[in-house]
Amino acid sequence: SDLLITHPKPTLSQLPKYYESDEYISHTDGNQTL
């Protein structure tokens, strides 16, 4: 398929911790840094 797959793939219960960051900009309206 020419698809790249992330390994190991986080489980559904693990995934939320990888989004716990103020730098994840699409979840905020941050307008402070360049």
Full PDB file with SEQRES, HELIX, SHEET, SSBOND, CRYST1, ORIGX, SCALE, CONECT and MASTER records, all heavy atoms in Angstrom:
SEQRES   1 A   34  SER ASP LEU LEU ILE THR HIS PRO LYS PRO THR LEU SER          
SEQRES   2 A   34  GLN LEU PRO LYS TYR TYR GLU SER ASP GLU TYR ILE SER          
SEQRES   3 A   34  HIS THR ASP GLY ASN GLN THR LEU                              
HELIX    1 AA1 LEU A   15  TYR A   19  5                                   5    
HELIX    2 AA2 ILE A   25  HIS A   27  5                                   3    
CRYST1    1.000    1.000    1.000  90.00  90.00  90.00 P 1           1          
ORIGX1      1.000000  0.000000  0.000000        0.00000                         
ORIGX2      0.000000  1.000000  0.000000        0.00000                         
ORIGX3      0.000000  0.000000  1.000000        0.00000                         
SCALE1      1.000000  0.000000  0.000000        0.00000                         
SCALE2      0.000000  1.000000  0.000000        0.00000                         
SCALE3      0.000000  0.000000  1.000000        0.00000                         
ATOM      1  N   SER A   1       0.806  -1.226   0.000  1.00  0.00           N  
ATOM      2  CA  SER A   1       0.000   0.000   0.000  1.00  0.00           C  
ATOM      3  C   SER A   1       0.834   1.270   0.000  1.00  0.00           C  
ATOM      4  O   SER A   1       0.289   2.360  -0.161  1.00  0.00           O  
ATOM      5  CB  SER A   1      -0.907   0.021   1.227  1.00  0.00           C  
ATOM      6  OG  SER A   1      -0.123   0.045   2.415  1.00  0.00           O  
ATOM      7  N   ASP A   2       2.149   1.156   0.205  1.00  0.00           N  
ATOM      8  CA  ASP A   2       3.037   2.313   0.325  1.00  0.00           C  
ATOM      9  C   ASP A   2       2.728   3.125   1.585  1.00  0.00           C  
ATOM     10  O   ASP A   2       2.980   4.325   1.651  1.00  0.00           O  
ATOM     11  CB  ASP A   2       2.932   3.209  -0.916  1.00  0.00           C  
ATOM     12  CG  ASP A   2       4.205   4.008  -1.182  1.00  0.00           C  
ATOM     13  OD1 ASP A   2       5.301   3.519  -0.844  1.00  0.00           O  
ATOM     14  OD2 ASP A   2       4.095   5.120  -1.724  1.00  0.00           O  
ATOM     15  N   LEU A   3       2.174   2.467   2.578  1.00  0.00           N  
ATOM     16  CA  LEU A   3       1.786   3.099   3.836  1.00  0.00           C  
ATOM     17  C   LEU A   3       2.872   2.881   4.884  1.00  0.00           C  
ATOM     18  O   LEU A   3       3.415   1.787   5.005  1.00  0.00           O  
ATOM     19  CB  LEU A   3       0.469   2.489   4.329  1.00  0.00           C  
ATOM     20  CG  LEU A   3      -0.124   3.028   5.632  1.00  0.00           C  
ATOM     21  CD1 LEU A   3      -0.715   4.414   5.408  1.00  0.00           C  
ATOM     22  CD2 LEU A   3      -1.210   2.072   6.151  1.00  0.00           C  
ATOM     23  N   LEU A   4       3.174   3.937   5.660  1.00  0.00           N  
ATOM     24  CA  LEU A   4       4.058   3.793   6.805  1.00  0.00           C  
ATOM     25  C   LEU A   4       3.215   3.623   8.059  1.00  0.00           C  
ATOM     26  O   LEU A   4       2.197   4.304   8.235  1.00  0.00           O  
ATOM     27  CB  LEU A   4       4.955   5.020   6.965  1.00  0.00           C  
ATOM     28  CG  LEU A   4       5.955   5.314   5.853  1.00  0.00           C  
ATOM     29  CD1 LEU A   4       6.808   6.532   6.213  1.00  0.00           C  
ATOM     30  CD2 LEU A   4       6.845   4.118   5.564  1.00  0.00           C  
ATOM     31  N   ILE A   5       3.644   2.721   8.938  1.00  0.00           N  
ATOM     32  CA  ILE A   5       2.896   2.386  10.141  1.00  0.00           C  
ATOM     33  C   ILE A   5       3.783   2.621  11.356  1.00  0.00           C  
ATOM     34  O   ILE A   5       4.925   2.164  11.403  1.00  0.00           O  
ATOM     35  CB  ILE A   5       2.451   0.914  10.110  1.00  0.00           C  
ATOM     36  CG1 ILE A   5       1.609   0.647   8.858  1.00  0.00           C  
ATOM     37  CG2 ILE A   5       1.674   0.550  11.378  1.00  0.00           C  
ATOM     38  CD1 ILE A   5       1.374  -0.822   8.588  1.00  0.00           C  
ATOM     39  N   THR A   6       3.276   3.373  12.323  1.00  0.00           N  
ATOM     40  CA  THR A   6       4.020   3.640  13.554  1.00  0.00           C  
ATOM     41  C   THR A   6       4.068   2.387  14.419  1.00  0.00           C  
ATOM     42  O   THR A   6       3.049   1.755  14.670  1.00  0.00           O  
ATOM     43  CB  THR A   6       3.361   4.785  14.339  1.00  0.00           C  
ATOM     44  OG1 THR A   6       3.402   5.980  13.552  1.00  0.00           O  
ATOM     45  CG2 THR A   6       4.069   5.028  15.661  1.00  0.00           C  
ATOM     46  N   HIS A   7       5.278   2.064  14.870  1.00  0.00           N  
ATOM     47  CA  HIS A   7       5.469   0.890  15.734  1.00  0.00           C  
ATOM     48  C   HIS A   7       6.385   1.255  16.910  1.00  0.00           C  
ATOM     49  O   HIS A   7       7.401   1.914  16.710  1.00  0.00           O  
ATOM     50  CB  HIS A   7       6.092  -0.251  14.923  1.00  0.00           C  
ATOM     51  CG  HIS A   7       6.382  -1.474  15.754  1.00  0.00           C  
ATOM     52  ND1 HIS A   7       5.397  -2.376  16.099  1.00  0.00           N  
ATOM     53  CD2 HIS A   7       7.527  -1.916  16.329  1.00  0.00           C  
ATOM     54  CE1 HIS A   7       5.933  -3.326  16.828  1.00  0.00           C  
ATOM     55  NE2 HIS A   7       7.218  -3.081  16.987  1.00  0.00           N  
ATOM     56  N   PRO A   8       6.027   0.869  18.149  1.00  0.00           N  
ATOM     57  CA  PRO A   8       4.770   0.198  18.498  1.00  0.00           C  
ATOM     58  C   PRO A   8       3.597   1.167  18.444  1.00  0.00           C  
ATOM     59  O   PRO A   8       3.758   2.357  18.730  1.00  0.00           O  
ATOM     60  CB  PRO A   8       5.026  -0.294  19.916  1.00  0.00           C  
ATOM     61  CG  PRO A   8       6.032   0.661  20.472  1.00  0.00           C  
ATOM     62  CD  PRO A   8       6.911   1.037  19.321  1.00  0.00           C  
ATOM     63  N   LYS A   9       2.450   0.646  18.094  1.00  0.00           N  
ATOM     64  CA  LYS A   9       1.234   1.463  18.014  1.00  0.00           C  
ATOM     65  C   LYS A   9       0.639   1.597  19.401  1.00  0.00           C  
ATOM     66  O   LYS A   9       0.321   0.590  20.035  1.00  0.00           O  
ATOM     67  CB  LYS A   9       0.235   0.792  17.064  1.00  0.00           C  
ATOM     68  CG  LYS A   9      -1.088   1.508  16.915  1.00  0.00           C  
ATOM     69  CD  LYS A   9      -1.995   0.693  16.010  1.00  0.00           C  
ATOM     70  CE  LYS A   9      -3.397   1.264  15.937  1.00  0.00           C  
ATOM     71  NZ  LYS A   9      -4.297   0.423  15.098  1.00  0.00           N  
ATOM     72  N   PRO A  10       0.497   2.819  19.926  1.00  0.00           N  
ATOM     73  CA  PRO A  10      -0.100   2.981  21.263  1.00  0.00           C  
ATOM     74  C   PRO A  10      -1.519   2.424  21.313  1.00  0.00           C  
ATOM     75  O   PRO A  10      -2.254   2.478  20.328  1.00  0.00           O  
ATOM     76  CB  PRO A  10      -0.115   4.507  21.462  1.00  0.00           C  
ATOM     77  CG  PRO A  10       0.916   5.031  20.520  1.00  0.00           C  
ATOM     78  CD  PRO A  10       0.885   4.112  19.337  1.00  0.00           C  
ATOM     79  N   THR A  11      -1.878   1.895  22.455  1.00  0.00           N  
ATOM     80  CA  THR A  11      -3.244   1.426  22.639  1.00  0.00           C  
ATOM     81  C   THR A  11      -4.168   2.632  22.808  1.00  0.00           C  
ATOM     82  O   THR A  11      -3.717   3.767  23.022  1.00  0.00           O  
ATOM     83  CB  THR A  11      -3.362   0.532  23.881  1.00  0.00           C  
ATOM     84  OG1 THR A  11      -3.064   1.322  25.043  1.00  0.00           O  
ATOM     85  CG2 THR A  11      -2.378  -0.637  23.805  1.00  0.00           C  
ATOM     86  N   LEU A  12      -5.462   2.392  22.721  1.00  0.00           N  
ATOM     87  CA  LEU A  12      -6.427   3.478  22.889  1.00  0.00           C  
ATOM     88  C   LEU A  12      -6.299   4.137  24.257  1.00  0.00           C  
ATOM     89  O   LEU A  12      -6.491   5.355  24.394  1.00  0.00           O  
ATOM     90  CB  LEU A  12      -7.847   2.945  22.697  1.00  0.00           C  
ATOM     91  CG  LEU A  12      -8.238   2.555  21.268  1.00  0.00           C  
ATOM     92  CD1 LEU A  12      -9.648   1.965  21.246  1.00  0.00           C  
ATOM     93  CD2 LEU A  12      -8.145   3.751  20.328  1.00  0.00           C  
ATOM     94  N   SER A  13      -5.971   3.352  25.270  1.00  0.00           N  
ATOM     95  CA  SER A  13      -5.833   3.916  26.614  1.00  0.00           C  
ATOM     96  C   SER A  13      -4.535   4.706  26.761  1.00  0.00           C  
ATOM     97  O   SER A  13      -4.440   5.607  27.588  1.00  0.00           O  
ATOM     98  CB  SER A  13      -5.888   2.801  27.668  1.00  0.00           C  
ATOM     99  OG  SER A  13      -4.818   1.877  27.487  1.00  0.00           O  
ATOM    100  N   GLN A  14      -3.521   4.380  25.960  1.00  0.00           N  
ATOM    101  CA  GLN A  14      -2.236   5.081  26.030  1.00  0.00           C  
ATOM    102  C   GLN A  14      -2.237   6.386  25.242  1.00  0.00           C  
ATOM    103  O   GLN A  14      -1.522   7.330  25.596  1.00  0.00           O  
ATOM    104  CB  GLN A  14      -1.120   4.180  25.494  1.00  0.00           C  
ATOM    105  CG  GLN A  14      -0.801   2.976  26.354  1.00  0.00           C  
ATOM    106  CD  GLN A  14       0.156   2.021  25.655  1.00  0.00           C  
ATOM    107  OE1 GLN A  14       0.226   1.962  24.426  1.00  0.00           O  
ATOM    108  NE2 GLN A  14       0.907   1.264  26.457  1.00  0.00           N  
ATOM    109  N   LEU A  15      -3.016   6.454  24.180  1.00  0.00           N  
ATOM    110  CA  LEU A  15      -2.940   7.598  23.260  1.00  0.00           C  
ATOM    111  C   LEU A  15      -3.108   8.964  23.922  1.00  0.00           C  
ATOM    112  O   LEU A  15      -2.363   9.895  23.604  1.00  0.00           O  
ATOM    113  CB  LEU A  15      -3.971   7.439  22.140  1.00  0.00           C  
ATOM    114  CG  LEU A  15      -3.528   6.644  20.912  1.00  0.00           C  
ATOM    115  CD1 LEU A  15      -4.704   6.428  19.968  1.00  0.00           C  
ATOM    116  CD2 LEU A  15      -2.395   7.357  20.188  1.00  0.00           C  
ATOM    117  N   PRO A  16      -4.071   9.150  24.851  1.00  0.00           N  
ATOM    118  CA  PRO A  16      -4.280  10.495  25.399  1.00  0.00           C  
ATOM    119  C   PRO A  16      -3.037  11.132  26.012  1.00  0.00           C  
ATOM    120  O   PRO A  16      -2.850  12.347  25.914  1.00  0.00           O  
ATOM    121  CB  PRO A  16      -5.372  10.274  26.448  1.00  0.00           C  
ATOM    122  CG  PRO A  16      -6.128   9.093  25.954  1.00  0.00           C  
ATOM    123  CD  PRO A  16      -5.088   8.205  25.331  1.00  0.00           C  
ATOM    124  N   LYS A  17      -2.155  10.347  26.626  1.00  0.00           N  
ATOM    125  CA  LYS A  17      -0.987  10.937  27.285  1.00  0.00           C  
ATOM    126  C   LYS A  17      -0.038  11.593  26.290  1.00  0.00           C  
ATOM    127  O   LYS A  17       0.713  12.511  26.651  1.00  0.00           O  
ATOM    128  CB  LYS A  17      -0.241   9.885  28.106  1.00  0.00           C  
ATOM    129  CG  LYS A  17       0.568   8.880  27.295  1.00  0.00           C  
ATOM    130  CD  LYS A  17       1.345   7.929  28.198  1.00  0.00           C  
ATOM    131  CE  LYS A  17       2.247   7.000  27.380  1.00  0.00           C  
ATOM    132  NZ  LYS A  17       3.017   6.087  28.240  1.00  0.00           N  
ATOM    133  N   TYR A  18      -0.078  11.147  25.032  1.00  0.00           N  
ATOM    134  CA  TYR A  18       0.819  11.724  24.027  1.00  0.00           C  
ATOM    135  C   TYR A  18       0.312  13.066  23.487  1.00  0.00           C  
ATOM    136  O   TYR A  18       1.008  13.731  22.729  1.00  0.00           O  
ATOM    137  CB  TYR A  18       1.019  10.737  22.875  1.00  0.00           C  
ATOM    138  CG  TYR A  18       1.770   9.493  23.290  1.00  0.00           C  
ATOM    139  CD1 TYR A  18       1.113   8.269  23.421  1.00  0.00           C  
ATOM    140  CD2 TYR A  18       3.130   9.532  23.573  1.00  0.00           C  
ATOM    141  CE1 TYR A  18       1.789   7.127  23.804  1.00  0.00           C  
ATOM    142  CE2 TYR A  18       3.817   8.394  23.963  1.00  0.00           C  
ATOM    143  CZ  TYR A  18       3.151   7.203  24.076  1.00  0.00           C  
ATOM    144  OH  TYR A  18       3.826   6.069  24.462  1.00  0.00           O  
ATOM    145  N   TYR A  19      -0.892  13.436  23.877  1.00  0.00           N  
ATOM    146  CA  TYR A  19      -1.448  14.735  23.477  1.00  0.00           C  
ATOM    147  C   TYR A  19      -1.387  15.746  24.627  1.00  0.00           C  
ATOM    148  O   TYR A  19      -1.836  16.883  24.467  1.00  0.00           O  
ATOM    149  CB  TYR A  19      -2.899  14.576  23.026  1.00  0.00           C  
ATOM    150  CG  TYR A  19      -3.060  13.865  21.703  1.00  0.00           C  
ATOM    151  CD1 TYR A  19      -3.116  12.482  21.635  1.00  0.00           C  
ATOM    152  CD2 TYR A  19      -3.142  14.577  20.510  1.00  0.00           C  
ATOM    153  CE1 TYR A  19      -3.264  11.820  20.427  1.00  0.00           C  
ATOM    154  CE2 TYR A  19      -3.294  13.929  19.294  1.00  0.00           C  
ATOM    155  CZ  TYR A  19      -3.354  12.549  19.261  1.00  0.00           C  
ATOM    156  OH  TYR A  19      -3.495  11.900  18.061  1.00  0.00           O  
ATOM    157  N   GLU A  20      -0.850  15.331  25.767  1.00  0.00           N  
ATOM    158  CA  GLU A  20      -0.826  16.198  26.946  1.00  0.00           C  
ATOM    159  C   GLU A  20       0.369  17.145  26.881  1.00  0.00           C  
ATOM    160  O   GLU A  20       1.401  16.942  27.514  1.00  0.00           O  
ATOM    161  CB  GLU A  20      -0.774  15.342  28.217  1.00  0.00           C  
ATOM    162  CG  GLU A  20      -2.046  14.544  28.452  1.00  0.00           C  
ATOM    163  CD  GLU A  20      -1.929  13.592  29.615  1.00  0.00           C  
ATOM    164  OE1 GLU A  20      -0.835  13.551  30.235  1.00  0.00           O  
ATOM    165  OE2 GLU A  20      -2.899  12.878  29.909  1.00  0.00           O  
ATOM    166  N   SER A  21       0.206  18.185  26.082  1.00  0.00           N  
ATOM    167  CA  SER A  21       1.276  19.165  25.914  1.00  0.00           C  
ATOM    168  C   SER A  21       0.687  20.502  25.506  1.00  0.00           C  
ATOM    169  O   SER A  21      -0.197  20.566  24.648  1.00  0.00           O  
ATOM    170  CB  SER A  21       2.273  18.692  24.844  1.00  0.00           C  
ATOM    171  OG  SER A  21       3.197  19.711  24.530  1.00  0.00           O  
ATOM    172  N   ASP A  22       1.190  21.568  26.108  1.00  0.00           N  
ATOM    173  CA  ASP A  22       0.754  22.911  25.719  1.00  0.00           C  
ATOM    174  C   ASP A  22       1.221  23.255  24.313  1.00  0.00           C  
ATOM    175  O   ASP A  22       0.746  24.206  23.700  1.00  0.00           O  
ATOM    176  CB  ASP A  22       1.312  23.955  26.697  1.00  0.00           C  
ATOM    177  CG  ASP A  22       0.689  23.818  28.081  1.00  0.00           C  
ATOM    178  OD1 ASP A  22      -0.425  23.262  28.164  1.00  0.00           O  
ATOM    179  OD2 ASP A  22       1.325  24.254  29.053  1.00  0.00           O  
ATOM    180  N   GLU A  23       2.194  22.482  23.800  1.00  0.00           N  
ATOM    181  CA  GLU A  23       2.726  22.754  22.478  1.00  0.00           C  
ATOM    182  C   GLU A  23       1.869  22.155  21.376  1.00  0.00           C  
ATOM    183  O   GLU A  23       2.131  22.377  20.198  1.00  0.00           O  
ATOM    184  CB  GLU A  23       4.159  22.205  22.361  1.00  0.00           C  
ATOM    185  CG  GLU A  23       5.153  22.920  23.272  1.00  0.00           C  
ATOM    186  CD  GLU A  23       6.571  22.413  23.087  1.00  0.00           C  
ATOM    187  OE1 GLU A  23       6.781  21.578  22.181  1.00  0.00           O  
ATOM    188  OE2 GLU A  23       7.457  22.855  23.830  1.00  0.00           O  
ATOM    189  N   TYR A  24       0.843  21.362  21.759  1.00  0.00           N  
ATOM    190  CA  TYR A  24      -0.010  20.789  20.719  1.00  0.00           C  
ATOM    191  C   TYR A  24      -0.970  21.877  20.252  1.00  0.00           C  
ATOM    192  O   TYR A  24      -2.069  22.052  20.761  1.00  0.00           O  
ATOM    193  CB  TYR A  24      -0.744  19.545  21.209  1.00  0.00           C  
ATOM    194  CG  TYR A  24      -1.097  18.649  20.047  1.00  0.00           C  
ATOM    195  CD1 TYR A  24      -0.096  17.953  19.367  1.00  0.00           C  
ATOM    196  CD2 TYR A  24      -2.389  18.555  19.578  1.00  0.00           C  
ATOM    197  CE1 TYR A  24      -0.397  17.167  18.267  1.00  0.00           C  
ATOM    198  CE2 TYR A  24      -2.690  17.773  18.480  1.00  0.00           C  
ATOM    199  CZ  TYR A  24      -1.698  17.080  17.834  1.00  0.00           C  
ATOM    200  OH  TYR A  24      -1.987  16.323  16.728  1.00  0.00           O  
ATOM    201  N   ILE A  25      -0.528  22.611  19.248  1.00  0.00           N  
ATOM    202  CA  ILE A  25      -1.073  23.926  18.922  1.00  0.00           C  
ATOM    203  C   ILE A  25      -2.487  23.877  18.340  1.00  0.00           C  
ATOM    204  O   ILE A  25      -3.262  24.815  18.505  1.00  0.00           O  
ATOM    205  CB  ILE A  25      -0.102  24.656  17.955  1.00  0.00           C  
ATOM    206  CG1 ILE A  25      -0.407  26.145  17.917  1.00  0.00           C  
ATOM    207  CG2 ILE A  25      -0.141  24.039  16.571  1.00  0.00           C  
ATOM    208  CD1 ILE A  25       0.692  26.940  17.243  1.00  0.00           C  
ATOM    209  N   SER A  26      -2.861  22.777  17.677  1.00  0.00           N  
ATOM    210  CA  SER A  26      -4.194  22.723  17.076  1.00  0.00           C  
ATOM    211  C   SER A  26      -5.297  22.624  18.118  1.00  0.00           C  
ATOM    212  O   SER A  26      -6.474  22.782  17.798  1.00  0.00           O  
ATOM    213  CB  SER A  26      -4.289  21.533  16.113  1.00  0.00           C  
ATOM    214  OG  SER A  26      -4.188  20.313  16.800  1.00  0.00           O  
ATOM    215  N   HIS A  27      -4.930  22.380  19.390  1.00  0.00           N  
ATOM    216  CA  HIS A  27      -5.930  22.298  20.460  1.00  0.00           C  
ATOM    217  C   HIS A  27      -6.051  23.611  21.234  1.00  0.00           C  
ATOM    218  O   HIS A  27      -6.750  23.678  22.238  1.00  0.00           O  
ATOM    219  CB  HIS A  27      -5.556  21.164  21.438  1.00  0.00           C  
ATOM    220  CG  HIS A  27      -5.777  19.802  20.848  1.00  0.00           C  
ATOM    221  ND1 HIS A  27      -5.291  18.647  21.421  1.00  0.00           N  
ATOM    222  CD2 HIS A  27      -6.456  19.414  19.733  1.00  0.00           C  
ATOM    223  CE1 HIS A  27      -5.644  17.605  20.681  1.00  0.00           C  
ATOM    224  NE2 HIS A  27      -6.357  18.050  19.655  1.00  0.00           N  
ATOM    225  N   THR A  28      -5.368  24.648  20.781  1.00  0.00           N  
ATOM    226  CA  THR A  28      -5.414  25.928  21.482  1.00  0.00           C  
ATOM    227  C   THR A  28      -5.563  27.055  20.475  1.00  0.00           C  
ATOM    228  O   THR A  28      -5.450  26.862  19.270  1.00  0.00           O  
ATOM    229  CB  THR A  28      -4.120  26.167  22.290  1.00  0.00           C  
ATOM    230  OG1 THR A  28      -3.052  26.505  21.390  1.00  0.00           O  
ATOM    231  CG2 THR A  28      -3.735  24.944  23.103  1.00  0.00           C  
ATOM    232  N   ASP A  29      -5.800  28.255  20.991  1.00  0.00           N  
ATOM    233  CA  ASP A  29      -5.765  29.466  20.167  1.00  0.00           C  
ATOM    234  C   ASP A  29      -4.532  30.284  20.520  1.00  0.00           C  
ATOM    235  O   ASP A  29      -4.538  31.516  20.455  1.00  0.00           O  
ATOM    236  CB  ASP A  29      -7.034  30.298  20.388  1.00  0.00           C  
ATOM    237  CG  ASP A  29      -8.231  29.701  19.675  1.00  0.00           C  
ATOM    238  OD1 ASP A  29      -8.031  28.980  18.682  1.00  0.00           O  
ATOM    239  OD2 ASP A  29      -9.372  29.956  20.112  1.00  0.00           O  
ATOM    240  N   GLY A  30      -3.455  29.602  20.922  1.00  0.00           N  
ATOM    241  CA  GLY A  30      -2.220  30.273  21.342  1.00  0.00           C  
ATOM    242  C   GLY A  30      -1.705  31.246  20.297  1.00  0.00           C  
ATOM    243  O   GLY A  30      -1.690  30.946  19.103  1.00  0.00           O  
ATOM    244  N   ASN A  31      -1.263  32.411  20.757  1.00  0.00           N  
ATOM    245  CA  ASN A  31      -0.773  33.437  19.847  1.00  0.00           C  
ATOM    246  C   ASN A  31       0.356  34.232  20.517  1.00  0.00           C  
ATOM    247  O   ASN A  31       0.447  35.455  20.372  1.00  0.00           O  
ATOM    248  CB  ASN A  31      -1.918  34.369  19.435  1.00  0.00           C  
ATOM    249  CG  ASN A  31      -1.587  35.183  18.206  1.00  0.00           C  
ATOM    250  OD1 ASN A  31      -0.707  34.833  17.428  1.00  0.00           O  
ATOM    251  ND2 ASN A  31      -2.290  36.299  18.036  1.00  0.00           N  
ATOM    252  N   GLN A  32       1.224  33.521  21.259  1.00  0.00           N  
ATOM    253  CA  GLN A  32       2.282  34.184  22.020  1.00  0.00           C  
ATOM    254  C   GLN A  32       3.652  34.032  21.355  1.00  0.00           C  
ATOM    255  O   GLN A  32       4.331  35.016  21.089  1.00  0.00           O  
ATOM    256  CB  GLN A  32       2.325  33.622  23.448  1.00  0.00           C  
ATOM    257  CG  GLN A  32       1.032  33.822  24.221  1.00  0.00           C  
ATOM    258  CD  GLN A  32       0.646  35.286  24.372  1.00  0.00           C  
ATOM    259  OE1 GLN A  32       1.491  36.121  24.713  1.00  0.00           O  
ATOM    260  NE2 GLN A  32      -0.617  35.603  24.110  1.00  0.00           N  
ATOM    261  N   THR A  33       4.064  32.787  21.087  1.00  0.00           N  
ATOM    262  CA  THR A  33       5.376  32.566  20.484  1.00  0.00           C  
ATOM    263  C   THR A  33       5.321  32.881  18.994  1.00  0.00           C  
ATOM    264  O   THR A  33       4.234  32.970  18.390  1.00  0.00           O  
ATOM    265  CB  THR A  33       5.835  31.118  20.680  1.00  0.00           C  
ATOM    266  OG1 THR A  33       4.995  30.255  19.887  1.00  0.00           O  
ATOM    267  CG2 THR A  33       5.736  30.703  22.149  1.00  0.00           C  
ATOM    268  N   LEU A  34       6.495  33.018  18.385  1.00  0.00           N  
ATOM    269  CA  LEU A  34       6.549  33.312  16.955  1.00  0.00           C  
ATOM    270  C   LEU A  34       5.923  32.183  16.148  1.00  0.00           C  
ATOM    271  O   LEU A  34       5.180  32.426  15.185  1.00  0.00           O  
ATOM    272  CB  LEU A  34       8.000  33.543  16.512  1.00  0.00           C  
ATOM    273  CG  LEU A  34       8.188  33.894  15.028  1.00  0.00           C  
ATOM    274  CD1 LEU A  34       7.395  35.139  14.667  1.00  0.00           C  
ATOM    275  CD2 LEU A  34       9.670  34.096  14.715  1.00  0.00           C  
TER     276      LEU A  34                                                      
MASTER        0    0    0    2    0    0    0    6  275    1    0    3          
END                                                                             
